[in-house]
Structures are given as C-alpha cells and as structure tokens.
C-alpha cells in the first residue's frame, strides 16, 4: 500500500517530457496572452499585478507571437533549429516576465518554471542538432 502511494506521488511529480512539455507551455502561453490583453482586468480588476518593464498590452503582443510560433514549431519542427530558436526566445521572454512580476512570488515562480521548461527543451534540441551534424 505504501509502495503504491509512493509510486503514485512520483508519477504526479514527474517532470513532463517530449511533446508534453510543449503542450504545457503552449497552453500556459495562451492563458498568459489572454490575461495580458485584458482578461485579468475584466474578470478580477483588483488582482492584476503592476507591469514595470513593458506595458501589459505589449506583453500580450509578444506572448501572442510566442504562442503562434510555439504552435508552428510544435510538430515536426520542434527538434529543428526553428524550434530551438523559439525555445530560446520563449525562455528569455518568460525570464523577463518573471523578473517584472517578482513582487508577486507565485506569479514569478510560474513564469520562471516556464522559462526553465523552455530552457530544458532548447538544451535537448541543441543536443539532437549537434549529434546530427
């Protein structure tokens, strides 16, 4: 019984791999895009965090571009130079956003985790690209 419980906890806490990672980032990016374009102010006006580096609608625009490029590089292009570049730019964007919302710790952690996920994707892609050349 205890072994089964430990195994179930390990399954829940496992790090997503392969296309599961891309699905997670695409979905998260979609919701961040909606929030930065004003959904957060519409649904919960007092909880929107202050954006300091660039404005919220500009974040919405770049996250929309990231969302589209993640979708375009999701399939056969995920492990190409295009997927690698999208992962690197996405990692930088999520890192910038995590720094920007830093006073709100849970939000900063969420954005930081997405940056780490994209960094891991880019490292995997870089290794595959290096091995193929």
Protein backbone atom coordinates (compact mmCIF):
# COMPACT_ATOMS: atom_id res chain seq x y z
CA UNK A 1 0.00 0.00 0.00
CA UNK A 2 2.77 2.43 0.98
CA UNK A 3 4.84 1.49 -2.09
CA UNK A 4 1.85 2.14 -4.34
CA UNK A 5 1.31 5.54 -2.70
CA UNK A 6 4.97 6.47 -3.21
CA UNK A 7 4.80 5.37 -6.87
CA UNK A 8 1.66 7.45 -7.44
CA UNK A 9 3.32 10.50 -5.88
CA UNK A 10 6.35 10.00 -8.14
CA UNK A 11 4.08 9.80 -11.19
CA UNK A 12 2.32 13.03 -10.22
CA UNK A 13 5.56 14.91 -9.55
CA UNK A 14 7.45 13.65 -12.61
CA UNK A 15 8.84 16.19 -15.00
CA UNK A 16 6.95 16.27 -18.30
CA UNK A 17 8.93 15.06 -21.32
CA UNK A 18 8.87 15.50 -25.07
CA UNK A 19 5.73 16.90 -26.59
CA UNK A 20 4.04 17.02 -23.18
CA UNK A 21 6.37 19.88 -22.35
CA UNK A 22 5.39 21.77 -25.48
CA UNK A 23 1.68 21.19 -24.75
CA UNK A 24 2.11 22.61 -21.26
CA UNK A 25 3.98 25.70 -22.47
CA UNK A 26 1.54 26.33 -25.34
CA UNK A 27 -1.45 26.17 -23.01
CA UNK A 28 0.20 28.37 -20.39
CA UNK A 29 1.27 30.89 -23.05
CA UNK A 30 -2.28 31.04 -24.39
CA UNK A 31 -3.67 31.95 -20.97
CA UNK A 32 -0.89 34.47 -20.29
CA UNK A 33 -1.70 36.10 -23.64
CA UNK A 34 -5.38 36.39 -22.73
CA UNK A 35 -4.52 37.80 -19.33
CA UNK A 36 -2.10 40.40 -20.69
CA UNK A 37 -4.63 41.53 -23.30
CA UNK A 38 -7.07 42.44 -20.54
CA UNK A 39 -8.90 39.31 -19.39
CA UNK A 40 -7.36 39.66 -15.92
CA UNK A 41 -8.64 43.22 -15.55
CA UNK A 42 -12.06 42.14 -16.80
CA UNK A 43 -12.50 39.13 -14.52
CA UNK A 44 -10.67 40.34 -11.39
CA UNK A 45 -9.86 44.05 -11.61
CA UNK A 46 -8.06 44.40 -8.27
CA UNK A 47 -5.71 41.46 -8.69
CA UNK A 48 -3.81 42.48 -11.83
CA UNK A 49 -0.14 42.90 -10.99
CA UNK A 50 1.73 46.03 -11.95
CA UNK A 51 3.94 45.68 -15.01
CA UNK A 52 7.10 47.74 -14.82
CA UNK A 53 9.40 46.88 -17.73
CA UNK A 54 6.97 46.98 -20.65
CA UNK A 55 3.23 47.53 -20.67
CA UNK A 56 0.66 44.76 -20.37
CA UNK A 57 -0.61 45.02 -23.95
CA UNK A 58 2.97 44.80 -25.24
CA UNK A 59 3.47 41.63 -23.20
CA UNK A 60 0.19 40.39 -24.68
CA UNK A 61 1.51 41.03 -28.19
CA UNK A 62 4.83 39.24 -27.69
CA UNK A 63 3.16 36.34 -25.88
CA UNK A 64 0.71 36.07 -28.79
CA UNK A 65 3.66 35.85 -31.19
CA UNK A 66 5.29 33.27 -28.91
CA UNK A 67 2.04 31.29 -28.79
CA UNK A 68 1.77 31.24 -32.59
CA UNK A 69 5.43 30.29 -33.07
CA UNK A 70 5.14 27.53 -30.45
CA UNK A 71 2.16 26.16 -32.37
CA UNK A 72 4.01 26.40 -35.69
CA UNK A 73 7.07 24.59 -34.33
CA UNK A 74 5.13 22.02 -32.33
CA UNK A 75 5.10 19.07 -34.71
CA UNK A 76 7.96 18.04 -36.94
CA UNK A 77 9.75 21.38 -36.44
CA UNK A 78 10.11 21.02 -32.65
CA UNK A 79 13.53 19.40 -32.91
CA UNK A 80 14.86 21.71 -35.65
CA UNK A 81 16.76 24.97 -35.49
CA UNK A 82 13.40 26.79 -35.66
CA UNK A 83 12.12 25.00 -32.56
CA UNK A 84 15.42 25.71 -30.84
CA UNK A 85 15.19 29.45 -31.59
CA UNK A 86 11.58 29.63 -30.42
CA UNK A 87 12.55 27.87 -27.17
CA UNK A 88 15.44 30.28 -26.54
CA UNK A 89 13.34 33.40 -27.25
CA UNK A 90 10.49 32.00 -25.16
CA UNK A 91 12.86 31.27 -22.29
CA UNK A 92 14.11 34.86 -22.42
CA UNK A 93 10.58 36.26 -22.57
CA UNK A 94 9.38 34.20 -19.62
CA UNK A 95 12.51 35.15 -17.65
CA UNK A 96 11.89 38.84 -18.33
CA UNK A 97 8.28 38.47 -17.27
CA UNK A 98 9.27 36.60 -14.09
CA UNK A 99 11.64 39.44 -13.18
CA UNK A 100 8.95 42.00 -13.98
CA UNK A 101 6.32 40.46 -11.69
CA UNK A 102 8.81 39.49 -8.98
CA UNK A 103 6.99 41.09 -6.03
CA UNK A 104 4.14 38.61 -6.62
CA UNK A 105 6.05 35.46 -5.75
CA UNK A 106 3.61 32.79 -7.10
CA UNK A 107 3.37 34.52 -10.47
CA UNK A 108 7.12 34.93 -10.71
CA UNK A 109 7.59 31.23 -9.90
CA UNK A 110 5.11 30.20 -12.62
CA UNK A 111 6.87 32.30 -15.25
CA UNK A 112 10.27 31.11 -14.03
CA UNK A 113 9.16 27.49 -14.33
CA UNK A 114 8.04 28.06 -17.91
CA UNK A 115 11.45 29.63 -18.62
CA UNK A 116 13.18 26.56 -17.17
CA UNK A 117 10.95 24.21 -19.18
CA UNK A 118 11.80 26.05 -22.41
CA UNK A 119 15.48 26.09 -21.47
CA UNK A 120 15.35 22.33 -21.00
CA UNK A 121 13.62 21.94 -24.37
CA UNK A 122 16.30 24.04 -26.04
CA UNK A 123 19.12 22.01 -24.46
CA UNK A 124 17.53 18.78 -25.68
CA UNK A 125 17.06 20.20 -29.17
CA UNK A 126 20.63 21.54 -29.24
CA UNK A 127 21.99 18.10 -28.31
CA UNK A 128 19.94 16.46 -31.06
CA UNK A 129 21.04 19.07 -33.61
CA UNK A 130 24.68 18.68 -32.54
CA UNK A 131 24.53 14.89 -32.78
CA UNK A 132 23.00 15.05 -36.26
CA UNK A 133 25.79 17.28 -37.60
